[in-house]
Amino acid sequence: MLLTRFMITTAMVLIGTSPALAQSTGEIIYVPGTATYDTNIPNGQTWFNLSCRRDDCYLKNVKLHTKPAKIQDMSSGEYVKGQTISFPDNGQTSIVLLQGMKWLKNKKVVTYYNADAGEPPVSSSSGSTGLEIEFKNNLGTTVTITPDFTMNDQGQILKVEYYLHVGNDKQLLGEINPAPPESSFDDYVRILDLKDLPVGTALLQWAGDIDGDGKLDLVMSIHHVPTWDISRILFLSSAAKKGDLVGIAGKFHFAPPSSGGC
């Protein structure tokens, strides 16, 4: 029997009094059920929600409802003024909320992969580590997202770079580097554990053509402390520089006060 889901997606938003700041480049935000942000969104403001249910994804405008709330800042123990944000998701998995882009409109979105459909397929190519993601685009071309590791002499991971491959083309998407070489931290602080790296749906939430130009777009999470932080990066083909496959059109990142990462 098919069960119909209906949930209210909710986030707690701080007003900037917490040292753990939500950082946003472009008009983009992610509301993952319940979270603590320090953004300040007006009641009734309209955003476009990219949401999916199984294999189908849509852009639909939603009004965000806000009301005042007191929130405990876990780093100081003090209660600060905040607000609750909610919107009905109508049984869909929300991928990201967007504003201010000229191509935004209510529509079904061409989708090659989305997180509601399950874990993305792992590359079956020879030498695969099991961390690579592989799928086909609308032309049947293989798209692969692969990690490249920088190790120390003991074989421990210091840095991970994520590359996008489309056919014979390749582009660096981003890296996880907890303490760059110029950092004063001891070397052990810079060690990354495989279990702490984003894989599957924690790395790739959506792939398709959201801006309508017939080329690949991505929604991903690439950040330094994957087990703590919340992030979304919107990569668009229409934002790509010459010679690149995609470019960053929006970025949202939040480190919870309780994470110790702020």
C-alpha atoms as a PDB file:
ATOM      1  CA  MET A   1       0.000   0.000   0.000  1.00  0.00           C
ATOM      2  CA  LEU A   2       1.326   3.421  -0.922  1.00  0.00           C
ATOM      3  CA  LEU A   3       1.483   5.741   2.063  1.00  0.00           C
ATOM      4  CA  THR A   4       1.133   9.481   1.504  1.00  0.00           C
ATOM      5  CA  ARG A   5       3.603  11.583   3.468  1.00  0.00           C
ATOM      6  CA  PHE A   6       2.943  15.128   4.619  1.00  0.00           C
ATOM      7  CA  MET A   7       5.360  16.919   6.886  1.00  0.00           C
ATOM      8  CA  ILE A   8       6.099  20.465   7.979  1.00  0.00           C
ATOM      9  CA  THR A   9       9.775  21.200   7.394  1.00  0.00           C
ATOM     10  CA  THR A  10      11.101  23.314  10.252  1.00  0.00           C
ATOM     11  CA  ALA A  11      14.302  25.174  11.060  1.00  0.00           C
ATOM     12  CA  MET A  12      15.342  27.289  14.037  1.00  0.00           C
ATOM     13  CA  VAL A  13      17.034  30.535  12.971  1.00  0.00           C
ATOM     14  CA  LEU A  14      19.281  32.692  15.146  1.00  0.00           C
ATOM     15  CA  ILE A  15      19.525  36.467  14.788  1.00  0.00           C
ATOM     16  CA  GLY A  16      23.305  36.635  14.695  1.00  0.00           C
ATOM     17  CA  THR A  17      24.079  36.519  18.433  1.00  0.00           C
ATOM     18  CA  SER A  18      25.698  33.073  18.159  1.00  0.00           C
ATOM     19  CA  PRO A  19      29.365  32.723  17.192  1.00  0.00           C
ATOM     20  CA  ALA A  20      28.346  29.888  14.866  1.00  0.00           C
ATOM     21  CA  LEU A  21      27.233  31.767  11.781  1.00  0.00           C
ATOM     22  CA  ALA A  22      25.266  30.579   8.785  1.00  0.00           C
ATOM     23  CA  GLN A  23      27.172  31.724   5.707  1.00  0.00           C
ATOM     24  CA  SER A  24      25.434  32.141   2.373  1.00  0.00           C
ATOM     25  CA  THR A  25      26.725  33.183  -1.042  1.00  0.00           C
ATOM     26  CA  GLY A  26      23.822  33.855  -3.370  1.00  0.00           C
ATOM     27  CA  GLU A  27      20.176  33.463  -2.430  1.00  0.00           C
ATOM     28  CA  ILE A  28      20.249  29.889  -1.214  1.00  0.00           C
ATOM     29  CA  ILE A  29      19.338  28.126   2.037  1.00  0.00           C
ATOM     30  CA  TYR A  30      18.748  24.565   3.179  1.00  0.00           C
ATOM     31  CA  VAL A  31      16.078  23.692   5.753  1.00  0.00           C
ATOM     32  CA  PRO A  32      16.697  20.038   6.714  1.00  0.00           C
ATOM     33  CA  GLY A  33      13.858  19.440   9.158  1.00  0.00           C
ATOM     34  CA  THR A  34      15.193  21.048  12.329  1.00  0.00           C
ATOM     35  CA  ALA A  35      18.349  23.161  12.437  1.00  0.00           C
ATOM     36  CA  THR A  36      19.766  26.270  14.090  1.00  0.00           C
ATOM     37  CA  TYR A  37      20.756  29.158  11.833  1.00  0.00           C
ATOM     38  CA  ASP A  38      21.518  32.832  12.426  1.00  0.00           C
ATOM     39  CA  THR A  39      19.823  34.099   9.280  1.00  0.00           C
ATOM     40  CA  ASN A  40      16.766  36.366   9.551  1.00  0.00           C
ATOM     41  CA  ILE A  41      14.044  35.538   7.030  1.00  0.00           C
ATOM     42  CA  PRO A  42      10.865  37.674   6.965  1.00  0.00           C
ATOM     43  CA  ASN A  43       7.554  35.950   7.574  1.00  0.00           C
ATOM     44  CA  GLY A  44       5.736  35.121   4.342  1.00  0.00           C
ATOM     45  CA  GLN A  45       8.777  35.478   2.098  1.00  0.00           C
ATOM     46  CA  THR A  46       8.545  33.351  -1.063  1.00  0.00           C
ATOM     47  CA  TRP A  47      11.322  30.941  -2.072  1.00  0.00           C
ATOM     48  CA  PHE A  48      11.514  28.231  -4.725  1.00  0.00           C
ATOM     49  CA  ASN A  49      11.828  24.762  -3.248  1.00  0.00           C
ATOM     50  CA  LEU A  50      13.633  22.093  -5.266  1.00  0.00           C
ATOM     51  CA  SER A  51      12.035  18.925  -3.947  1.00  0.00           C
ATOM     52  CA  CYS A  52      11.827  15.301  -5.042  1.00  0.00           C
ATOM     53  CA  ARG A  53       9.661  12.244  -4.536  1.00  0.00           C
ATOM     54  CA  ARG A  54      11.259   9.070  -5.827  1.00  0.00           C
ATOM     55  CA  ASP A  55      12.347   9.802  -9.430  1.00  0.00           C
ATOM     56  CA  ASP A  56      10.412  13.062  -9.934  1.00  0.00           C
ATOM     57  CA  CYS A  57      11.691  16.503  -8.925  1.00  0.00           C
ATOM     58  CA  TYR A  58       9.970  19.891  -9.064  1.00  0.00           C
ATOM     59  CA  LEU A  59      10.621  23.568  -8.477  1.00  0.00           C
ATOM     60  CA  LYS A  60       7.684  25.039  -6.588  1.00  0.00           C
ATOM     61  CA  ASN A  61       7.347  28.386  -4.847  1.00  0.00           C
ATOM     62  CA  VAL A  62       6.625  28.140  -1.129  1.00  0.00           C
ATOM     63  CA  LYS A  63       5.959  30.777   1.498  1.00  0.00           C
ATOM     64  CA  LEU A  64       8.162  30.497   4.549  1.00  0.00           C
ATOM     65  CA  HIS A  65       6.278  31.003   7.799  1.00  0.00           C
ATOM     66  CA  THR A  66       8.254  32.431  10.708  1.00  0.00           C
ATOM     67  CA  LYS A  67       7.474  33.070  14.342  1.00  0.00           C
ATOM     68  CA  PRO A  68       9.637  34.268  17.261  1.00  0.00           C
ATOM     69  CA  ALA A  69      11.346  31.641  19.403  1.00  0.00           C
ATOM     70  CA  LYS A  70      13.983  31.463  22.111  1.00  0.00           C
ATOM     71  CA  ILE A  71      16.910  29.224  21.245  1.00  0.00           C
ATOM     72  CA  GLN A  72      19.701  27.961  23.453  1.00  0.00           C
ATOM     73  CA  ASP A  73      23.171  28.675  22.101  1.00  0.00           C
ATOM     74  CA  MET A  74      24.967  25.425  22.953  1.00  0.00           C
ATOM     75  CA  SER A  75      28.399  27.072  22.955  1.00  0.00           C
ATOM     76  CA  SER A  76      27.504  29.549  25.722  1.00  0.00           C
ATOM     77  CA  GLY A  77      24.413  27.971  27.302  1.00  0.00           C
ATOM     78  CA  GLU A  78      22.554  31.285  26.946  1.00  0.00           C
ATOM     79  CA  TYR A  79      19.124  31.647  25.371  1.00  0.00           C
ATOM     80  CA  VAL A  80      18.925  34.089  22.480  1.00  0.00           C
ATOM     81  CA  LYS A  81      16.146  35.465  20.315  1.00  0.00           C
ATOM     82  CA  GLY A  82      15.452  33.522  17.183  1.00  0.00           C
ATOM     83  CA  GLN A  83      12.649  32.436  14.911  1.00  0.00           C
ATOM     84  CA  THR A  84      11.077  29.206  13.696  1.00  0.00           C
ATOM     85  CA  ILE A  85      10.818  28.736   9.935  1.00  0.00           C
ATOM     86  CA  SER A  86       8.378  26.233   8.461  1.00  0.00           C
ATOM     87  CA  PHE A  87       6.809  25.330   5.139  1.00  0.00           C
ATOM     88  CA  PRO A  88       4.739  22.333   3.964  1.00  0.00           C
ATOM     89  CA  ASP A  89       6.795  19.872   1.937  1.00  0.00           C
ATOM     90  CA  ASN A  90       3.760  17.871   0.736  1.00  0.00           C
ATOM     91  CA  GLY A  91       5.558  14.569   1.195  1.00  0.00           C
ATOM     92  CA  GLN A  92       8.537  15.603  -0.927  1.00  0.00           C
ATOM     93  CA  THR A  93      12.206  15.559   0.072  1.00  0.00           C
ATOM     94  CA  SER A  94      13.447  19.151   0.035  1.00  0.00           C
ATOM     95  CA  ILE A  95      16.862  19.477  -1.617  1.00  0.00           C
ATOM     96  CA  VAL A  96      17.463  23.251  -1.466  1.00  0.00           C
ATOM     97  CA  LEU A  97      15.594  26.590  -1.365  1.00  0.00           C
ATOM     98  CA  LEU A  98      16.456  29.273  -3.934  1.00  0.00           C
ATOM     99  CA  GLN A  99      15.648  32.894  -4.772  1.00  0.00           C
ATOM    100  CA  GLY A 100      16.638  35.613  -7.219  1.00  0.00           C
ATOM    101  CA  MET A 101      17.629  33.548 -10.286  1.00  0.00           C
ATOM    102  CA  LYS A 102      15.922  34.532 -13.542  1.00  0.00           C
ATOM    103  CA  TRP A 103      15.139  30.951 -14.612  1.00  0.00           C
ATOM    104  CA  LEU A 104      13.271  30.100 -11.388  1.00  0.00           C
ATOM    105  CA  LYS A 105       9.653  29.126 -12.031  1.00  0.00           C
ATOM    106  CA  ASN A 106       7.223  26.387 -11.060  1.00  0.00           C
ATOM    107  CA  LYS A 107       8.148  23.392 -13.197  1.00  0.00           C
ATOM    108  CA  LYS A 108       9.138  19.753 -13.319  1.00  0.00           C
ATOM    109  CA  VAL A 109      12.925  19.573 -13.359  1.00  0.00           C
ATOM    110  CA  VAL A 110      14.988  17.259 -15.567  1.00  0.00           C
ATOM    111  CA  THR A 111      16.689  14.954 -13.070  1.00  0.00           C
ATOM    112  CA  TYR A 112      19.430  12.331 -13.439  1.00  0.00           C
ATOM    113  CA  TYR A 113      19.728  11.539  -9.735  1.00  0.00           C
ATOM    114  CA  ASN A 114      18.147  12.722  -6.468  1.00  0.00           C
ATOM    115  CA  ALA A 115      18.597  11.746  -2.829  1.00  0.00           C
ATOM    116  CA  ASP A 116      14.967  10.617  -2.377  1.00  0.00           C
ATOM    117  CA  ALA A 117      15.561   7.843  -4.923  1.00  0.00           C
ATOM    118  CA  GLY A 118      18.159   6.203  -2.659  1.00  0.00           C
ATOM    119  CA  GLU A 119      21.927   6.116  -2.540  1.00  0.00           C
ATOM    120  CA  PRO A 120      23.633   7.135  -5.803  1.00  0.00           C
ATOM    121  CA  PRO A 121      25.212   4.334  -7.846  1.00  0.00           C
ATOM    122  CA  VAL A 122      28.870   3.637  -7.080  1.00  0.00           C
ATOM    123  CA  SER A 123      31.366   3.505  -9.911  1.00  0.00           C
ATOM    124  CA  SER A 124      32.003  -0.017 -11.200  1.00  0.00           C
ATOM    125  CA  SER A 125      35.212   0.924 -13.004  1.00  0.00           C
ATOM    126  CA  SER A 126      38.466  -0.855 -12.324  1.00  0.00           C
ATOM    127  CA  GLY A 127      40.326   0.533  -9.316  1.00  0.00           C
ATOM    128  CA  SER A 128      37.216   2.077  -7.736  1.00  0.00           C
ATOM    129  CA  THR A 129      37.485   2.747  -3.983  1.00  0.00           C
ATOM    130  CA  GLY A 130      33.722   2.497  -3.503  1.00  0.00           C
ATOM    131  CA  LEU A 131      33.518   6.263  -2.846  1.00  0.00           C
ATOM    132  CA  GLU A 132      33.017   7.301  -6.473  1.00  0.00           C
ATOM    133  CA  ILE A 133      29.532   8.262  -7.692  1.00  0.00           C
ATOM    134  CA  GLU A 134      28.490   7.416 -11.245  1.00  0.00           C
ATOM    135  CA  PHE A 135      25.349   8.115 -13.294  1.00  0.00           C
ATOM    136  CA  LYS A 136      24.268   8.970 -16.852  1.00  0.00           C
ATOM    137  CA  ASN A 137      23.196  12.387 -18.124  1.00  0.00           C
ATOM    138  CA  ASN A 138      20.439  13.055 -20.696  1.00  0.00           C
ATOM    139  CA  LEU A 139      22.810  12.213 -23.569  1.00  0.00           C
ATOM    140  CA  GLY A 140      23.772   8.885 -22.052  1.00  0.00           C
ATOM    141  CA  THR A 141      27.244  10.143 -21.170  1.00  0.00           C
ATOM    142  CA  THR A 142      28.782   8.739 -17.988  1.00  0.00           C
ATOM    143  CA  VAL A 143      29.160  11.314 -15.203  1.00  0.00           C
ATOM    144  CA  THR A 144      31.495  10.443 -12.327  1.00  0.00           C
ATOM    145  CA  ILE A 145      32.365  12.300  -9.102  1.00  0.00           C
ATOM    146  CA  THR A 146      35.622  10.987  -7.649  1.00  0.00           C
ATOM    147  CA  PRO A 147      37.710  11.781  -4.542  1.00  0.00           C
ATOM    148  CA  ASP A 148      41.469  12.292  -4.856  1.00  0.00           C
ATOM    149  CA  PHE A 149      43.443  11.840  -1.623  1.00  0.00           C
ATOM    150  CA  THR A 150      46.574  13.618  -0.376  1.00  0.00           C
ATOM    151  CA  MET A 151      48.350  11.386   2.156  1.00  0.00           C
ATOM    152  CA  ASN A 152      51.194  11.789   4.636  1.00  0.00           C
ATOM    153  CA  ASP A 153      54.106   9.336   4.978  1.00  0.00           C
ATOM    154  CA  GLN A 154      52.003   7.133   7.278  1.00  0.00           C
ATOM    155  CA  GLY A 155      49.269   6.774   4.661  1.00  0.00           C
ATOM    156  CA  GLN A 156      46.861   9.016   6.574  1.00  0.00           C
ATOM    157  CA  ILE A 157      44.515  11.343   4.695  1.00  0.00           C
ATOM    158  CA  LEU A 158      45.383  15.053   4.893  1.00  0.00           C
ATOM    159  CA  LYS A 159      43.181  16.417   2.113  1.00  0.00           C
ATOM    160  CA  VAL A 160      40.456  15.225  -0.262  1.00  0.00           C
ATOM    161  CA  GLU A 161      39.707  16.865  -3.604  1.00  0.00           C
ATOM    162  CA  TYR A 162      36.465  16.045  -5.432  1.00  0.00           C
ATOM    163  CA  TYR A 163      36.542  15.940  -9.242  1.00  0.00           C
ATOM    164  CA  LEU A 164      33.711  15.940 -11.763  1.00  0.00           C
ATOM    165  CA  HIS A 165      34.220  13.817 -14.906  1.00  0.00           C
ATOM    166  CA  VAL A 166      31.858  14.079 -17.877  1.00  0.00           C
ATOM    167  CA  GLY A 167      33.117  11.974 -20.762  1.00  0.00           C
ATOM    168  CA  ASN A 168      36.712  13.091 -21.294  1.00  0.00           C
ATOM    169  CA  ASP A 169      36.281  16.403 -19.442  1.00  0.00           C
ATOM    170  CA  LYS A 170      37.385  16.874 -15.823  1.00  0.00           C
ATOM    171  CA  GLN A 171      36.948  19.679 -13.269  1.00  0.00           C
ATOM    172  CA  LEU A 172      37.847  20.177  -9.607  1.00  0.00           C
ATOM    173  CA  LEU A 173      34.631  20.871  -7.653  1.00  0.00           C
ATOM    174  CA  GLY A 174      36.041  21.462  -4.168  1.00  0.00           C
ATOM    175  CA  GLU A 175      38.163  20.065  -1.383  1.00  0.00           C
ATOM    176  CA  ILE A 176      38.074  19.074   2.261  1.00  0.00           C
ATOM    177  CA  ASN A 177      41.225  20.354   3.954  1.00  0.00           C
ATOM    178  CA  PRO A 178      40.689  20.790   7.720  1.00  0.00           C
ATOM    179  CA  ALA A 179      43.943  22.645   8.292  1.00  0.00           C
ATOM    180  CA  PRO A 180      45.912  24.042   5.338  1.00  0.00           C
ATOM    181  CA  PRO A 181      49.741  23.785   5.484  1.00  0.00           C
ATOM    182  CA  GLU A 182      50.113  27.343   6.777  1.00  0.00           C
ATOM    183  CA  SER A 183      48.026  26.424   9.818  1.00  0.00           C
ATOM    184  CA  SER A 184      49.698  26.346  13.235  1.00  0.00           C
ATOM    185  CA  PHE A 185      47.849  23.125  14.151  1.00  0.00           C
ATOM    186  CA  ASP A 186      49.885  19.997  14.750  1.00  0.00           C
ATOM    187  CA  ASP A 187      49.792  17.414  11.993  1.00  0.00           C
ATOM    188  CA  TYR A 188      47.438  15.070  13.843  1.00  0.00           C
ATOM    189  CA  VAL A 189      44.727  17.718  13.792  1.00  0.00           C
ATOM    190  CA  ARG A 190      44.830  17.610   9.991  1.00  0.00           C
ATOM    191  CA  ILE A 191      44.110  13.886   9.719  1.00  0.00           C
ATOM    192  CA  LEU A 192      40.852  12.939   7.993  1.00  0.00           C
ATOM    193  CA  ASP A 193      39.082   9.646   8.632  1.00  0.00           C
ATOM    194  CA  LEU A 194      37.307   7.905   5.764  1.00  0.00           C
ATOM    195  CA  LYS A 195      34.173   7.510   7.881  1.00  0.00           C
ATOM    196  CA  ASP A 196      33.979  11.294   8.308  1.00  0.00           C
ATOM    197  CA  LEU A 197      33.987  12.046   4.582  1.00  0.00           C
ATOM    198  CA  PRO A 198      30.708  12.752   2.800  1.00  0.00           C
ATOM    199  CA  VAL A 199      29.735   9.843   0.562  1.00  0.00           C
ATOM    200  CA  GLY A 200      26.575   8.928  -1.309  1.00  0.00           C
ATOM    201  CA  THR A 201      23.642  11.193  -0.516  1.00  0.00           C
ATOM    202  CA  ALA A 202      25.763  13.096   2.025  1.00  0.00           C
ATOM    203  CA  LEU A 203      27.940  14.271  -0.892  1.00  0.00           C
ATOM    204  CA  LEU A 204      25.506  14.464  -3.835  1.00  0.00           C
ATOM    205  CA  GLN A 205      21.878  15.425  -3.219  1.00  0.00           C
ATOM    206  CA  TRP A 206      20.746  16.106  -6.774  1.00  0.00           C
ATOM    207  CA  ALA A 207      21.936  16.082 -10.407  1.00  0.00           C
ATOM    208  CA  GLY A 208      20.038  17.222 -13.482  1.00  0.00           C
ATOM    209  CA  ASP A 209      19.251  20.374 -15.462  1.00  0.00           C
ATOM    210  CA  ILE A 210      17.633  22.987 -13.226  1.00  0.00           C
ATOM    211  CA  ASP A 211      18.408  26.140 -15.245  1.00  0.00           C
ATOM    212  CA  GLY A 212      17.044  24.757 -18.523  1.00  0.00           C
ATOM    213  CA  ASP A 213      20.154  25.035 -20.713  1.00  0.00           C
ATOM    214  CA  GLY A 214      20.349  21.295 -21.429  1.00  0.00           C
ATOM    215  CA  LYS A 215      23.579  20.806 -19.461  1.00  0.00           C
ATOM    216  CA  LEU A 216      24.510  19.266 -16.105  1.00  0.00           C
ATOM    217  CA  ASP A 217      23.777  21.026 -12.807  1.00  0.00           C
ATOM    218  CA  LEU A 218      24.495  19.673  -9.302  1.00  0.00           C
ATOM    219  CA  VAL A 219      23.505  20.203  -5.663  1.00  0.00           C
ATOM    220  CA  MET A 220      26.244  18.915  -3.342  1.00  0.00           C
ATOM    221  CA  SER A 221      27.694  19.156   0.165  1.00  0.00           C
ATOM    222  CA  ILE A 222      31.466  19.575   0.357  1.00  0.00           C
ATOM    223  CA  HIS A 223      32.679  20.927   3.684  1.00  0.00           C
ATOM    224  CA  HIS A 224      35.442  20.521   6.241  1.00  0.00           C
ATOM    225  CA  VAL A 225      33.607  18.728   9.048  1.00  0.00           C
ATOM    226  CA  PRO A 226      31.052  16.519   7.314  1.00  0.00           C
ATOM    227  CA  THR A 227      29.726  14.876  10.493  1.00  0.00           C
ATOM    228  CA  TRP A 228      28.780  18.245  12.033  1.00  0.00           C
ATOM    229  CA  ASP A 229      28.168  20.876   9.415  1.00  0.00           C
ATOM    230  CA  ILE A 230      25.186  21.525   7.151  1.00  0.00           C
ATOM    231  CA  SER A 231      25.824  22.776   3.639  1.00  0.00           C
ATOM    232  CA  ARG A 232      24.533  23.031   0.111  1.00  0.00           C
ATOM    233  CA  ILE A 233      26.436  24.101  -3.015  1.00  0.00           C
ATOM    234  CA  LEU A 234      24.562  24.804  -6.250  1.00  0.00           C
ATOM    235  CA  PHE A 235      26.726  24.129  -9.312  1.00  0.00           C
ATOM    236  CA  LEU A 236      25.270  25.395 -12.602  1.00  0.00           C
ATOM    237  CA  SER A 237      26.496  24.868 -16.151  1.00  0.00           C
ATOM    238  CA  SER A 238      25.254  28.384 -16.917  1.00  0.00           C
ATOM    239  CA  ALA A 239      27.601  29.750 -14.227  1.00  0.00           C
ATOM    240  CA  ALA A 240      30.681  27.919 -15.558  1.00  0.00           C
ATOM    241  CA  LYS A 241      33.812  29.818 -16.510  1.00  0.00           C
ATOM    242  CA  LYS A 242      35.345  29.206 -19.923  1.00  0.00           C
ATOM    243  CA  GLY A 243      36.711  25.675 -20.054  1.00  0.00           C
ATOM    244  CA  ASP A 244      34.774  24.490 -16.977  1.00  0.00           C
ATOM    245  CA  LEU A 245      31.770  22.200 -16.817  1.00  0.00           C
ATOM    246  CA  VAL A 246      29.985  23.991 -13.961  1.00  0.00           C
ATOM    247  CA  GLY A 247      30.369  27.037 -11.719  1.00  0.00           C
ATOM    248  CA  ILE A 248      29.182  27.850  -8.206  1.00  0.00           C
ATOM    249  CA  ALA A 249      25.903  29.786  -8.369  1.00  0.00           C
ATOM    250  CA  GLY A 250      25.110  29.635  -4.640  1.00  0.00           C
ATOM    251  CA  LYS A 251      26.558  28.278  -1.425  1.00  0.00           C
ATOM    252  CA  PHE A 252      25.107  27.767   2.062  1.00  0.00           C
ATOM    253  CA  HIS A 253      27.106  26.559   5.059  1.00  0.00           C
ATOM    254  CA  PHE A 254      26.303  26.303   8.758  1.00  0.00           C
ATOM    255  CA  ALA A 255      28.386  24.997  11.681  1.00  0.00           C
ATOM    256  CA  PRO A 256      26.138  24.134  14.665  1.00  0.00           C
ATOM    257  CA  PRO A 257      27.141  25.807  17.954  1.00  0.00           C
ATOM    258  CA  SER A 258      27.481  22.380  19.571  1.00  0.00           C
ATOM    259  CA  SER A 259      29.918  21.175  16.919  1.00  0.00           C
ATOM    260  CA  GLY A 260      32.995  22.756  18.467  1.00  0.00           C
ATOM    261  CA  GLY A 261      33.967  23.887  14.982  1.00  0.00           C
ATOM    262  CA  CYS A 262      33.255  27.574  15.476  1.00  0.00           C
END
